[in-house]
């Protein structure tokens, strides 16, 4: 999808075959996304339990 940024190697290899660096970047993006989702869920659980404590 993002071959325009990488002129030197895009001609040498087929566009369907991402480089190791691109695979690493995609993996990092996935890890960061799942990490943020976990953090958000944790925060929501804390807020819910805090609300329940205040209501008692």
Protein backbone atom coordinates (compact mmCIF):
# COMPACT_ATOMS: atom_id res chain seq x y z
CA UNK A 1 0.00 0.00 0.00
CA UNK A 2 2.79 2.44 0.91
CA UNK A 3 5.42 1.79 -1.76
CA UNK A 4 5.73 5.44 -2.81
CA UNK A 5 7.81 6.26 0.28
CA UNK A 6 10.40 3.58 -0.59
CA UNK A 7 11.58 4.32 -4.13
CA UNK A 8 14.91 2.51 -4.07
CA UNK A 9 13.59 -0.96 -3.22
CA UNK A 10 10.12 -0.83 -4.74
CA UNK A 11 11.55 -1.51 -8.20
CA UNK A 12 13.72 -4.38 -6.98
CA UNK A 13 11.05 -6.48 -5.32
CA UNK A 14 7.39 -7.20 -6.10
CA UNK A 15 4.97 -4.96 -4.25
CA UNK A 16 3.27 -8.01 -2.73
CA UNK A 17 6.42 -8.84 -0.75
CA UNK A 18 7.00 -6.38 2.11
CA UNK A 19 10.50 -5.86 3.45
CA UNK A 20 11.57 -6.89 6.94
CA UNK A 21 11.44 -3.27 8.08
CA UNK A 22 7.88 -2.89 6.84
CA UNK A 23 6.87 -6.13 8.55
CA UNK A 24 8.42 -4.84 11.77
CA UNK A 25 6.53 -1.55 11.46
CA UNK A 26 3.24 -3.35 10.88
CA UNK A 27 3.90 -5.62 13.86
CA UNK A 28 4.70 -2.61 16.06
CA UNK A 29 1.48 -0.90 14.96
CA UNK A 30 -0.54 -4.01 15.85
CA UNK A 31 1.17 -4.32 19.24
CA UNK A 32 0.62 -0.65 20.06
CA UNK A 33 -3.04 -0.88 19.04
CA UNK A 34 -3.71 -3.93 21.21
CA UNK A 35 -1.77 -2.32 24.08
CA UNK A 36 -3.91 0.83 23.85
CA UNK A 37 -7.07 -1.27 23.73
CA UNK A 38 -5.97 -3.14 26.88
CA UNK A 39 -5.16 0.15 28.62
CA UNK A 40 -8.54 1.62 27.66
CA UNK A 41 -10.37 -1.44 28.96
CA UNK A 42 -8.42 -1.26 32.22
CA UNK A 43 -9.28 2.43 32.64
CA UNK A 44 -12.96 1.77 31.92
CA UNK A 45 -13.03 -1.02 34.52
CA UNK A 46 -11.43 1.31 37.08
CA UNK A 47 -13.97 4.03 36.34
CA UNK A 48 -16.87 1.57 36.67
CA UNK A 49 -15.62 0.24 40.00
CA UNK A 50 -15.07 3.82 41.24
CA UNK A 51 -18.65 4.71 40.31
CA UNK A 52 -19.94 1.63 42.12
CA UNK A 53 -17.94 2.54 45.23
CA UNK A 54 -19.34 6.08 45.24
CA UNK A 55 -22.91 4.77 44.95
CA UNK A 56 -22.59 2.59 48.06
